[in-house]
Amino acid sequence: MSAVRQFRDLTVQLIEFLESSASRDEKIQKTTELLEKRQQLIAEIAPPFSNEEKEIGAATIALNKKLNDLLFKEKILIQKDIKELNRKKKSTNKYENPYNSLFIDGIFYDKRK
């Protein structure tokens, strides 16, 4: 099987997996594995290409755009969760120690008694 065909098959596999409803940890692990395999196949793809490989390559480019959109959506979801966790962590710290973050910039001392 040619490297171009394997690359397309891995891309399709990755798209199907990202569209499934697996847990986030599984998605991250499997996505990383498949992306590493794709990266290795990219190194193996070299011209000259047959007509069939050119057609597969054109179809793969369209699939790659869809894959990029799915990966971007996953990234946004992960970033949103990280921000939410950081916000919760901050509010928990304020609840546990409310006097920790008081600013003393507005305080002045009067020398007169």
PDB file of N, CA and C in Angstrom:
ATOM      1  N   MET A   1       0.849  -1.174   0.000  1.00  0.00           N
ATOM      2  CA  MET A   1       0.000   0.000   0.000  1.00  0.00           C
ATOM      3  C   MET A   1       0.896   1.239   0.000  1.00  0.00           C
ATOM      4  N   SER A   2       0.559   2.210  -0.821  1.00  0.00           N
ATOM      5  CA  SER A   2       1.383   3.409  -0.924  1.00  0.00           C
ATOM      6  C   SER A   2       1.238   4.287   0.313  1.00  0.00           C
ATOM      7  N   ALA A   3       2.237   5.119   0.522  1.00  0.00           N
ATOM      8  CA  ALA A   3       2.234   6.007   1.686  1.00  0.00           C
ATOM      9  C   ALA A   3       1.085   7.012   1.602  1.00  0.00           C
ATOM     10  N   VAL A   4       0.734   7.427   0.386  1.00  0.00           N
ATOM     11  CA  VAL A   4      -0.358   8.387   0.207  1.00  0.00           C
ATOM     12  C   VAL A   4      -1.681   7.756   0.647  1.00  0.00           C
ATOM     13  N   ARG A   5      -1.896   6.502   0.269  1.00  0.00           N
ATOM     14  CA  ARG A   5      -3.128   5.806   0.640  1.00  0.00           C
ATOM     15  C   ARG A   5      -3.179   5.583   2.157  1.00  0.00           C
ATOM     16  N   GLN A   6      -2.051   5.195   2.749  1.00  0.00           N
ATOM     17  CA  GLN A   6      -2.002   5.002   4.204  1.00  0.00           C
ATOM     18  C   GLN A   6      -2.274   6.316   4.930  1.00  0.00           C
ATOM     19  N   PHE A   7      -1.724   7.401   4.387  1.00  0.00           N
ATOM     20  CA  PHE A   7      -1.932   8.723   4.982  1.00  0.00           C
ATOM     21  C   PHE A   7      -3.413   9.088   4.960  1.00  0.00           C
ATOM     22  N   ARG A   8      -4.073   8.844   3.824  1.00  0.00           N
ATOM     23  CA  ARG A   8      -5.506   9.116   3.721  1.00  0.00           C
ATOM     24  C   ARG A   8      -6.303   8.260   4.696  1.00  0.00           C
ATOM     25  N   ASP A   9      -5.952   6.990   4.788  1.00  0.00           N
ATOM     26  CA  ASP A   9      -6.661   6.086   5.696  1.00  0.00           C
ATOM     27  C   ASP A   9      -6.513   6.531   7.150  1.00  0.00           C
ATOM     28  N   LEU A  10      -5.311   6.957   7.526  1.00  0.00           N
ATOM     29  CA  LEU A  10      -5.100   7.454   8.894  1.00  0.00           C
ATOM     30  C   LEU A  10      -5.892   8.735   9.135  1.00  0.00           C
ATOM     31  N   THR A  11      -5.970   9.581   8.122  1.00  0.00           N
ATOM     32  CA  THR A  11      -6.731  10.820   8.251  1.00  0.00           C
ATOM     33  C   THR A  11      -8.212  10.515   8.462  1.00  0.00           C
ATOM     34  N   VAL A  12      -8.746   9.581   7.689  1.00  0.00           N
ATOM     35  CA  VAL A  12     -10.154   9.188   7.839  1.00  0.00           C
ATOM     36  C   VAL A  12     -10.382   8.588   9.223  1.00  0.00           C
ATOM     37  N   GLN A  13      -9.458   7.748   9.650  1.00  0.00           N
ATOM     38  CA  GLN A  13      -9.562   7.118  10.969  1.00  0.00           C
ATOM     39  C   GLN A  13      -9.573   8.180  12.070  1.00  0.00           C
ATOM     40  N   LEU A  14      -8.717   9.168  11.938  1.00  0.00           N
ATOM     41  CA  LEU A  14      -8.624  10.239  12.928  1.00  0.00           C
ATOM     42  C   LEU A  14      -9.905  11.072  12.955  1.00  0.00           C
ATOM     43  N   ILE A  15     -10.455  11.381  11.798  1.00  0.00           N
ATOM     44  CA  ILE A  15     -11.701  12.150  11.735  1.00  0.00           C
ATOM     45  C   ILE A  15     -12.837  11.375  12.393  1.00  0.00           C
ATOM     46  N   GLU A  16     -12.947  10.092  12.068  1.00  0.00           N
ATOM     47  CA  GLU A  16     -14.009   9.276  12.660  1.00  0.00           C
ATOM     48  C   GLU A  16     -13.868   9.197  14.175  1.00  0.00           C
ATOM     49  N   PHE A  17     -12.633   9.082  14.643  1.00  0.00           N
ATOM     50  CA  PHE A  17     -12.418   8.988  16.085  1.00  0.00           C
ATOM     51  C   PHE A  17     -12.769  10.300  16.783  1.00  0.00           C
ATOM     52  N   LEU A  18     -12.393  11.427  16.181  1.00  0.00           N
ATOM     53  CA  LEU A  18     -12.698  12.721  16.794  1.00  0.00           C
ATOM     54  C   LEU A  18     -14.197  12.999  16.801  1.00  0.00           C
ATOM     55  N   GLU A  19     -14.917  12.468  15.835  1.00  0.00           N
ATOM     56  CA  GLU A  19     -16.361  12.665  15.798  1.00  0.00           C
ATOM     57  C   GLU A  19     -17.094  11.737  16.763  1.00  0.00           C
ATOM     58  N   SER A  20     -16.414  10.704  17.237  1.00  0.00           N
ATOM     59  CA  SER A  20     -17.044   9.789  18.189  1.00  0.00           C
ATOM     60  C   SER A  20     -17.131  10.455  19.556  1.00  0.00           C
ATOM     61  N   SER A  21     -17.856   9.819  20.460  1.00  0.00           N
ATOM     62  CA  SER A  21     -18.033  10.411  21.787  1.00  0.00           C
ATOM     63  C   SER A  21     -17.211   9.646  22.823  1.00  0.00           C
ATOM     64  N   ALA A  22     -15.924   9.562  22.588  1.00  0.00           N
ATOM     65  CA  ALA A  22     -15.028   8.916  23.547  1.00  0.00           C
ATOM     66  C   ALA A  22     -14.677   9.919  24.644  1.00  0.00           C
ATOM     67  N   SER A  23     -14.115   9.420  25.726  1.00  0.00           N
ATOM     68  CA  SER A  23     -13.729  10.331  26.806  1.00  0.00           C
ATOM     69  C   SER A  23     -12.560  11.200  26.342  1.00  0.00           C
ATOM     70  N   ARG A  24     -12.386  12.315  27.008  1.00  0.00           N
ATOM     71  CA  ARG A  24     -11.363  13.263  26.590  1.00  0.00           C
ATOM     72  C   ARG A  24      -9.964  12.659  26.665  1.00  0.00           C
ATOM     73  N   ASP A  25      -9.670  11.913  27.722  1.00  0.00           N
ATOM     74  CA  ASP A  25      -8.342  11.313  27.854  1.00  0.00           C
ATOM     75  C   ASP A  25      -8.065  10.331  26.718  1.00  0.00           C
ATOM     76  N   GLU A  26      -9.061   9.526  26.384  1.00  0.00           N
ATOM     77  CA  GLU A  26      -8.908   8.592  25.266  1.00  0.00           C
ATOM     78  C   GLU A  26      -8.678   9.354  23.966  1.00  0.00           C
ATOM     79  N   LYS A  27      -9.455  10.420  23.773  1.00  0.00           N
ATOM     80  CA  LYS A  27      -9.315  11.207  22.547  1.00  0.00           C
ATOM     81  C   LYS A  27      -7.915  11.787  22.425  1.00  0.00           C
ATOM     82  N   ILE A  28      -7.407  12.336  23.516  1.00  0.00           N
ATOM     83  CA  ILE A  28      -6.086  12.957  23.473  1.00  0.00           C
ATOM     84  C   ILE A  28      -5.022  11.913  23.176  1.00  0.00           C
ATOM     85  N   GLN A  29      -5.088  10.782  23.855  1.00  0.00           N
ATOM     86  CA  GLN A  29      -4.084   9.740  23.667  1.00  0.00           C
ATOM     87  C   GLN A  29      -4.120   9.174  22.245  1.00  0.00           C
ATOM     88  N   LYS A  30      -5.300   8.805  21.786  1.00  0.00           N
ATOM     89  CA  LYS A  30      -5.436   8.208  20.450  1.00  0.00           C
ATOM     90  C   LYS A  30      -5.102   9.229  19.364  1.00  0.00           C
ATOM     91  N   THR A  31      -5.510  10.477  19.549  1.00  0.00           N
ATOM     92  CA  THR A  31      -5.208  11.521  18.572  1.00  0.00           C
ATOM     93  C   THR A  31      -3.710  11.727  18.458  1.00  0.00           C
ATOM     94  N   THR A  32      -3.022  11.737  19.582  1.00  0.00           N
ATOM     95  CA  THR A  32      -1.572  11.902  19.572  1.00  0.00           C
ATOM     96  C   THR A  32      -0.904  10.755  18.824  1.00  0.00           C
ATOM     97  N   GLU A  33      -1.350   9.535  19.089  1.00  0.00           N
ATOM     98  CA  GLU A  33      -0.777   8.368  18.404  1.00  0.00           C
ATOM     99  C   GLU A  33      -0.983   8.462  16.892  1.00  0.00           C
ATOM    100  N   LEU A  34      -2.211   8.765  16.485  1.00  0.00           N
ATOM    101  CA  LEU A  34      -2.506   8.823  15.053  1.00  0.00           C
ATOM    102  C   LEU A  34      -1.779   9.976  14.368  1.00  0.00           C
ATOM    103  N   LEU A  35      -1.648  11.103  15.049  1.00  0.00           N
ATOM    104  CA  LEU A  35      -0.920  12.231  14.458  1.00  0.00           C
ATOM    105  C   LEU A  35       0.562  11.907  14.296  1.00  0.00           C
ATOM    106  N   GLU A  36       1.127  11.168  15.248  1.00  0.00           N
ATOM    107  CA  GLU A  36       2.533  10.763  15.118  1.00  0.00           C
ATOM    108  C   GLU A  36       2.717   9.815  13.939  1.00  0.00           C
ATOM    109  N   LYS A  37       1.786   8.879  13.753  1.00  0.00           N
ATOM    110  CA  LYS A  37       1.859   7.969  12.605  1.00  0.00           C
ATOM    111  C   LYS A  37       1.750   8.752  11.298  1.00  0.00           C
ATOM    112  N   ARG A  38       0.838   9.732  11.268  1.00  0.00           N
ATOM    113  CA  ARG A  38       0.686  10.561  10.064  1.00  0.00           C
ATOM    114  C   ARG A  38       1.967  11.332   9.774  1.00  0.00           C
ATOM    115  N   GLN A  39       2.600  11.831  10.830  1.00  0.00           N
ATOM    116  CA  GLN A  39       3.841  12.583  10.656  1.00  0.00           C
ATOM    117  C   GLN A  39       4.925  11.703  10.043  1.00  0.00           C
ATOM    118  N   GLN A  40       5.009  10.455  10.474  1.00  0.00           N
ATOM    119  CA  GLN A  40       5.992   9.532   9.904  1.00  0.00           C
ATOM    120  C   GLN A  40       5.687   9.249   8.437  1.00  0.00           C
ATOM    121  N   LEU A  41       4.409   9.127   8.107  1.00  0.00           N
ATOM    122  CA  LEU A  41       4.034   8.874   6.714  1.00  0.00           C
ATOM    123  C   LEU A  41       4.316  10.077   5.820  1.00  0.00           C
ATOM    124  N   ILE A  42       4.207  11.263   6.363  1.00  0.00           N
ATOM    125  CA  ILE A  42       4.504  12.464   5.563  1.00  0.00           C
ATOM    126  C   ILE A  42       5.947  12.418   5.083  1.00  0.00           C
ATOM    127  N   ALA A  43       6.843  11.938   5.943  1.00  0.00           N
ATOM    128  CA  ALA A  43       8.252  11.848   5.565  1.00  0.00           C
ATOM    129  C   ALA A  43       8.465  10.827   4.445  1.00  0.00           C
ATOM    130  N   GLU A  44       7.610   9.815   4.374  1.00  0.00           N
ATOM    131  CA  GLU A  44       7.752   8.774   3.355  1.00  0.00           C
ATOM    132  C   GLU A  44       7.147   9.172   2.012  1.00  0.00           C
ATOM    133  N   ILE A  45       6.272  10.155   1.999  1.00  0.00           N
ATOM    134  CA  ILE A  45       5.616  10.564   0.752  1.00  0.00           C
ATOM    135  C   ILE A  45       6.593  11.401  -0.065  1.00  0.00           C
ATOM    136  N   ALA A  46       6.877  10.909  -1.284  1.00  0.00           N
ATOM    137  CA  ALA A  46       7.809  11.624  -2.153  1.00  0.00           C
ATOM    138  C   ALA A  46       7.379  11.434  -3.609  1.00  0.00           C
ATOM    139  N   PRO A  47       7.588  12.460  -4.446  1.00  0.00           N
ATOM    140  CA  PRO A  47       7.257  12.331  -5.863  1.00  0.00           C
ATOM    141  C   PRO A  47       8.179  11.307  -6.533  1.00  0.00           C
ATOM    142  N   PRO A  48       7.892  10.836  -7.671  1.00  0.00           N
ATOM    143  CA  PRO A  48       6.762  11.133  -8.553  1.00  0.00           C
ATOM    144  C   PRO A  48       5.507  10.387  -8.119  1.00  0.00           C
ATOM    145  N   PHE A  49       4.369  10.993  -8.394  1.00  0.00           N
ATOM    146  CA  PHE A  49       3.087  10.421  -8.000  1.00  0.00           C
ATOM    147  C   PHE A  49       2.345   9.902  -9.228  1.00  0.00           C
ATOM    148  N   SER A  50       1.660   8.796  -9.060  1.00  0.00           N
ATOM    149  CA  SER A  50       0.811   8.279 -10.135  1.00  0.00           C
ATOM    150  C   SER A  50      -0.482   9.097 -10.151  1.00  0.00           C
ATOM    151  N   ASN A  51      -1.287   8.903 -11.186  1.00  0.00           N
ATOM    152  CA  ASN A  51      -2.560   9.632 -11.273  1.00  0.00           C
ATOM    153  C   ASN A  51      -3.474   9.277 -10.109  1.00  0.00           C
ATOM    154  N   GLU A  52      -3.467   7.994  -9.728  1.00  0.00           N
ATOM    155  CA  GLU A  52      -4.300   7.560  -8.602  1.00  0.00           C
ATOM    156  C   GLU A  52      -3.854   8.243  -7.306  1.00  0.00           C
ATOM    157  N   GLU A  53      -2.538   8.334  -7.104  1.00  0.00           N
ATOM    158  CA  GLU A  53      -2.021   8.988  -5.895  1.00  0.00           C
ATOM    159  C   GLU A  53      -2.352  10.474  -5.891  1.00  0.00           C
ATOM    160  N   LYS A  54      -2.360  11.102  -7.064  1.00  0.00           N
ATOM    161  CA  LYS A  54      -2.728  12.519  -7.144  1.00  0.00           C
ATOM    162  C   LYS A  54      -4.186  12.727  -6.748  1.00  0.00           C
ATOM    163  N   GLU A  55      -5.062  11.827  -7.202  1.00  0.00           N
ATOM    164  CA  GLU A  55      -6.481  11.921  -6.842  1.00  0.00           C
ATOM    165  C   GLU A  55      -6.669  11.705  -5.340  1.00  0.00           C
ATOM    166  N   ILE A  56      -5.969  10.713  -4.815  1.00  0.00           N
ATOM    167  CA  ILE A  56      -6.047  10.448  -3.371  1.00  0.00           C
ATOM    168  C   ILE A  56      -5.527  11.656  -2.597  1.00  0.00           C
ATOM    169  N   GLY A  57      -4.454  12.261  -3.092  1.00  0.00           N
ATOM    170  CA  GLY A  57      -3.886  13.443  -2.438  1.00  0.00           C
ATOM    171  C   GLY A  57      -4.858  14.611  -2.423  1.00  0.00           C
ATOM    172  N   ALA A  58      -5.566  14.819  -3.527  1.00  0.00           N
ATOM    173  CA  ALA A  58      -6.547  15.909  -3.587  1.00  0.00           C
ATOM    174  C   ALA A  58      -7.687  15.662  -2.604  1.00  0.00           C
ATOM    175  N   ALA A  59      -8.139  14.407  -2.519  1.00  0.00           N
ATOM    176  CA  ALA A  59      -9.204  14.079  -1.564  1.00  0.00           C
ATOM    177  C   ALA A  59      -8.702  14.222  -0.126  1.00  0.00           C
ATOM    178  N   THR A  60      -7.444  13.885   0.084  1.00  0.00           N
ATOM    179  CA  THR A  60      -6.865  13.972   1.427  1.00  0.00           C
ATOM    180  C   THR A  60      -6.761  15.419   1.882  1.00  0.00           C
ATOM    181  N   ILE A  61      -6.501  16.323   0.963  1.00  0.00           N
ATOM    182  CA  ILE A  61      -6.423  17.745   1.318  1.00  0.00           C
ATOM    183  C   ILE A  61      -7.768  18.225   1.855  1.00  0.00           C
ATOM    184  N   ALA A  62      -8.854  17.807   1.217  1.00  0.00           N
ATOM    185  CA  ALA A  62     -10.192  18.182   1.702  1.00  0.00           C
ATOM    186  C   ALA A  62     -10.448  17.569   3.080  1.00  0.00           C
ATOM    187  N   LEU A  63     -10.049  16.310   3.253  1.00  0.00           N
ATOM    188  CA  LEU A  63     -10.213  15.657   4.555  1.00  0.00           C
ATOM    189  C   LEU A  63      -9.376  16.350   5.627  1.00  0.00           C
ATOM    190  N   ASN A  64      -8.203  16.817   5.223  1.00  0.00           N
ATOM    191  CA  ASN A  64      -7.308  17.474   6.173  1.00  0.00           C
ATOM    192  C   ASN A  64      -7.918  18.775   6.693  1.00  0.00           C
ATOM    193  N   LYS A  65      -8.647  19.486   5.846  1.00  0.00           N
ATOM    194  CA  LYS A  65      -9.327  20.709   6.291  1.00  0.00           C
ATOM    195  C   LYS A  65     -10.373  20.380   7.352  1.00  0.00           C
ATOM    196  N   LYS A  66     -11.124  19.311   7.115  1.00  0.00           N
ATOM    197  CA  LYS A  66     -12.126  18.881   8.094  1.00  0.00           C
ATOM    198  C   LYS A  66     -11.451  18.469   9.398  1.00  0.00           C
ATOM    199  N   LEU A  67     -10.326  17.769   9.280  1.00  0.00           N
ATOM    200  CA  LEU A  67      -9.574  17.338  10.460  1.00  0.00           C
ATOM    201  C   LEU A  67      -9.069  18.541  11.249  1.00  0.00           C
ATOM    202  N   ASN A  68      -8.564  19.548  10.549  1.00  0.00           N
ATOM    203  CA  ASN A  68      -8.087  20.754  11.233  1.00  0.00           C
ATOM    204  C   ASN A  68      -9.212  21.434  12.001  1.00  0.00           C
ATOM    205  N   ASP A  69     -10.400  21.488  11.413  1.00  0.00           N
ATOM    206  CA  ASP A  69     -11.550  22.080  12.106  1.00  0.00           C
ATOM    207  C   ASP A  69     -11.890  21.302  13.373  1.00  0.00           C
ATOM    208  N   LEU A  70     -11.894  19.972  13.272  1.00  0.00           N
ATOM    209  CA  LEU A  70     -12.207  19.144  14.442  1.00  0.00           C
ATOM    210  C   LEU A  70     -11.155  19.308  15.537  1.00  0.00           C
ATOM    211  N   LEU A  71      -9.885  19.346  15.146  1.00  0.00           N
ATOM    212  CA  LEU A  71      -8.816  19.521  16.131  1.00  0.00           C
ATOM    213  C   LEU A  71      -8.900  20.895  16.789  1.00  0.00           C
ATOM    214  N   PHE A  72      -9.271  21.906  16.007  1.00  0.00           N
ATOM    215  CA  PHE A  72      -9.412  23.254  16.557  1.00  0.00           C
ATOM    216  C   PHE A  72     -10.543  23.297  17.582  1.00  0.00           C
ATOM    217  N   LYS A  73     -11.657  22.622  17.282  1.00  0.00           N
ATOM    218  CA  LYS A  73     -12.777  22.580  18.228  1.00  0.00           C
ATOM    219  C   LYS A  73     -12.378  21.884  19.521  1.00  0.00           C
ATOM    220  N   GLU A  74     -11.633  20.793  19.408  1.00  0.00           N
ATOM    221  CA  GLU A  74     -11.163  20.085  20.608  1.00  0.00           C
ATOM    222  C   GLU A  74     -10.242  20.985  21.427  1.00  0.00           C
ATOM    223  N   LYS A  75      -9.379  21.716  20.738  1.00  0.00           N
ATOM    224  CA  LYS A  75      -8.453  22.617  21.426  1.00  0.00           C
ATOM    225  C   LYS A  75      -9.220  23.697  22.180  1.00  0.00           C
ATOM    226  N   ILE A  76     -10.237  24.265  21.549  1.00  0.00           N
ATOM    227  CA  ILE A  76     -11.053  25.300  22.185  1.00  0.00           C
ATOM    228  C   ILE A  76     -11.738  24.750  23.432  1.00  0.00           C
ATOM    229  N   LEU A  77     -12.284  23.532  23.343  1.00  0.00           N
ATOM    230  CA  LEU A  77     -12.943  22.923  24.503  1.00  0.00           C
ATOM    231  C   LEU A  77     -11.965  22.709  25.655  1.00  0.00           C
ATOM    232  N   ILE A  78     -10.770  22.262  25.330  1.00  0.00           N
ATOM    233  CA  ILE A  78      -9.762  22.033  26.372  1.00  0.00           C
ATOM    234  C   ILE A  78      -9.354  23.356  27.006  1.00  0.00           C
ATOM    235  N   GLN A  79      -9.135  24.392  26.181  1.00  0.00           N
ATOM    236  CA  GLN A  79      -8.769  25.705  26.718  1.00  0.00           C
ATOM    237  C   GLN A  79      -9.868  26.256  27.614  1.00  0.00           C
ATOM    238  N   LYS A  80     -11.117  26.071  27.210  1.00  0.00           N
ATOM    239  CA  LYS A  80     -12.243  26.551  28.009  1.00  0.00           C
ATOM    240  C   LYS A  80     -12.271  25.854  29.365  1.00  0.00           C
ATOM    241  N   ASP A  81     -12.042  24.553  29.371  1.00  0.00           N
ATOM    242  CA  ASP A  81     -12.023  23.810  30.633  1.00  0.00           C
ATOM    243  C   ASP A  81     -10.863  24.237  31.526  1.00  0.00           C
ATOM    244  N   ILE A  82      -9.712  24.508  30.927  1.00  0.00           N
ATOM    245  CA  ILE A  82      -8.560  24.962  31.714  1.00  0.00           C
ATOM    246  C   ILE A  82      -8.857  26.318  32.344  1.00  0.00           C
ATOM    247  N   LYS A  83      -9.451  27.235  31.582  1.00  0.00           N
ATOM    248  CA  LYS A  83      -9.809  28.544  32.133  1.00  0.00           C
ATOM    249  C   LYS A  83     -10.805  28.403  33.274  1.00  0.00           C
ATOM    250  N   GLU A  84     -11.782  27.525  33.094  1.00  0.00           N
ATOM    251  CA  GLU A  84     -12.789  27.297  34.133  1.00  0.00           C
ATOM    252  C   GLU A  84     -12.142  26.735  35.399  1.00  0.00           C
ATOM    253  N   LEU A  85     -11.226  25.796  35.239  1.00  0.00           N
ATOM    254  CA  LEU A  85     -10.533  25.235  36.407  1.00  0.00           C
ATOM    255  C   LEU A  85      -9.702  26.296  37.120  1.00  0.00           C
ATOM    256  N   ASN A  86      -9.016  27.141  36.350  1.00  0.00           N
ATOM    257  CA  ASN A  86      -8.221  28.208  36.967  1.00  0.00           C
ATOM    258  C   ASN A  86      -9.112  29.195  37.712  1.00  0.00           C
ATOM    259  N   ARG A  87     -10.275  29.502  37.142  1.00  0.00           N
ATOM    260  CA  ARG A  87     -11.209  30.412  37.803  1.00  0.00           C
ATOM    261  C   ARG A  87     -11.715  29.798  39.104  1.00  0.00           C
ATOM    262  N   LYS A  88     -12.060  28.531  39.072  1.00  0.00           N
ATOM    263  CA  LYS A  88     -12.527  27.853  40.286  1.00  0.00           C
ATOM    264  C   LYS A  88     -11.433  27.798  41.340  1.00  0.00           C
ATOM    265  N   LYS A  89     -10.213  27.578  40.898  1.00  0.00           N
ATOM    266  CA  LYS A  89      -9.088  27.519  41.830  1.00  0.00           C
ATOM    267  C   LYS A  89      -8.891  28.867  42.522  1.00  0.00           C
ATOM    268  N   LYS A  90      -9.004  29.947  41.749  1.00  0.00           N
ATOM    269  CA  LYS A  90      -8.868  31.286  42.320  1.00  0.00           C
ATOM    270  C   LYS A  90      -9.965  31.568  43.335  1.00  0.00           C
ATOM    271  N   SER A  91     -11.198  31.247  42.971  1.00  0.00           N
ATOM    272  CA  SER A  91     -12.305  31.538  43.885  1.00  0.00           C
ATOM    273  C   SER A  91     -12.216  30.673  45.137  1.00  0.00           C
ATOM    274  N   THR A  92     -11.725  29.457  45.015  1.00  0.00           N
ATOM    275  CA  THR A  92     -11.533  28.599  46.189  1.00  0.00           C
ATOM    276  C   THR A  92     -10.476  29.187  47.106  1.00  0.00           C
ATOM    277  N   ASN A  93      -9.399  29.692  46.529  1.00  0.00           N
ATOM    278  CA  ASN A  93      -8.347  30.310  47.346  1.00  0.00           C
ATOM    279  C   ASN A  93      -8.868  31.554  48.055  1.00  0.00           C
ATOM    280  N   LYS A  94      -9.695  32.348  47.390  1.00  0.00           N
ATOM    281  CA  LYS A  94     -10.253  33.541  48.027  1.00  0.00           C
ATOM    282  C   LYS A  94     -11.192  33.161  49.163  1.00  0.00           C
ATOM    283  N   TYR A  95     -11.919  32.080  48.990  1.00  0.00           N
ATOM    284  CA  TYR A  95     -12.839  31.630  50.032  1.00  0.00           C
ATOM    285  C   TYR A  95     -12.069  31.122  51.250  1.00  0.00           C
ATOM    286  N   GLU A  96     -10.986  30.388  51.010  1.00  0.00           N
ATOM    287  CA  GLU A  96     -10.210  29.827  52.116  1.00  0.00           C
ATOM    288  C   GLU A  96      -9.442  30.907  52.871  1.00  0.00           C
ATOM    289  N   ASN A  97      -8.932  31.916  52.174  1.00  0.00           N
ATOM    290  CA  ASN A  97      -8.155  32.970  52.812  1.00  0.00           C
ATOM    291  C   ASN A  97      -8.586  34.318  52.228  1.00  0.00           C
ATOM    292  N   PRO A  98      -9.670  34.904  52.736  1.00  0.00           N
ATOM    293  CA  PRO A  98     -10.200  36.124  52.123  1.00  0.00           C
ATOM    294  C   PRO A  98      -9.316  37.355  52.328  1.00  0.00           C
ATOM    295  N   TYR A  99      -8.431  37.347  53.311  1.00  0.00           N
ATOM    296  CA  TYR A  99      -7.609  38.525  53.589  1.00  0.00           C
ATOM    297  C   TYR A  99      -6.259  38.465  52.901  1.00  0.00           C
ATOM    298  N   ASN A 100      -6.006  37.450  52.137  1.00  0.00           N
ATOM    299  CA  ASN A 100      -4.708  37.279  51.501  1.00  0.00           C
ATOM    300  C   ASN A 100      -4.465  38.308  50.406  1.00  0.00           C
ATOM    301  N   SER A 101      -5.470  38.676  49.657  1.00  0.00           N
ATOM    302  CA  SER A 101      -5.254  39.520  48.492  1.00  0.00           C
ATOM    303  C   SER A 101      -5.689  40.969  48.706  1.00  0.00           C
ATOM    304  N   LEU A 102      -5.673  41.443  49.916  1.00  0.00           N
ATOM    305  CA  LEU A 102      -6.026  42.841  50.147  1.00  0.00           C
ATOM    306  C   LEU A 102      -4.874  43.736  49.731  1.00  0.00           C
ATOM    307  N   PHE A 103      -5.212  44.825  49.071  1.00  0.00           N
ATOM    308  CA  PHE A 103      -4.194  45.768  48.630  1.00  0.00           C
ATOM    309  C   PHE A 103      -4.086  46.890  49.652  1.00  0.00           C
ATOM    310  N   ILE A 104      -2.880  47.352  49.890  1.00  0.00           N
ATOM    311  CA  ILE A 104      -2.672  48.431  50.858  1.00  0.00           C
ATOM    312  C   ILE A 104      -2.249  49.712  50.154  1.00  0.00           C
ATOM    313  N   ASP A 105      -2.521  49.815  48.860  1.00  0.00           N
ATOM    314  CA  ASP A 105      -2.126  50.996  48.104  1.00  0.00           C
ATOM    315  C   ASP A 105      -2.869  52.243  48.561  1.00  0.00           C
ATOM    316  N   GLY A 106      -4.098  52.118  48.988  1.00  0.00           N
ATOM    317  CA  GLY A 106      -4.911  53.272  49.340  1.00  0.00           C
ATOM    318  C   GLY A 106      -4.757  53.705  50.787  1.00  0.00           C
ATOM    319  N   ILE A 107      -3.912  53.045  51.529  1.00  0.00           N
ATOM    320  CA  ILE A 107      -3.758  53.372  52.947  1.00  0.00           C
ATOM    321  C   ILE A 107      -2.636  54.392  53.107  1.00  0.00           C
ATOM    322  N   PHE A 108      -2.888  55.402  53.941  1.00  0.00           N
ATOM    323  CA  PHE A 108      -1.822  56.339  54.270  1.00  0.00           C
ATOM    324  C   PHE A 108      -1.811  56.506  55.785  1.00  0.00           C
ATOM    325  N   TYR A 109      -0.695  56.894  56.271  1.00  0.00           N
ATOM    326  CA  TYR A 109      -0.541  57.066  57.715  1.00  0.00           C
ATOM    327  C   TYR A 109      -0.500  58.552  58.043  1.00  0.00           C
ATOM    328  N   ASP A 110      -1.272  58.948  59.029  1.00  0.00           N
ATOM    329  CA  ASP A 110      -1.296  60.327  59.479  1.00  0.00           C
ATOM    330  C   ASP A 110      -0.279  60.456  60.599  1.00  0.00           C
ATOM    331  N   LYS A 111       0.647  61.400  60.464  1.00  0.00           N
ATOM    332  CA  LYS A 111       1.693  61.549  61.474  1.00  0.00           C
ATOM    333  C   LYS A 111       1.169  62.238  62.726  1.00  0.00           C
ATOM    334  N   ARG A 112       0.069  62.979  62.592  1.00  0.00           N
ATOM    335  CA  ARG A 112      -0.478  63.667  63.760  1.00  0.00           C
ATOM    336  C   ARG A 112      -1.281  62.711  64.610  1.00  0.00           C
ATOM    337  N   LYS A 113      -1.307  62.996  65.907  1.00  0.00           N
ATOM    338  CA  LYS A 113      -2.094  62.167  66.806  1.00  0.00           C
ATOM    339  C   LYS A 113      -3.234  62.914  67.394  1.00  0.00           C
TER     340      LYS A 113
END
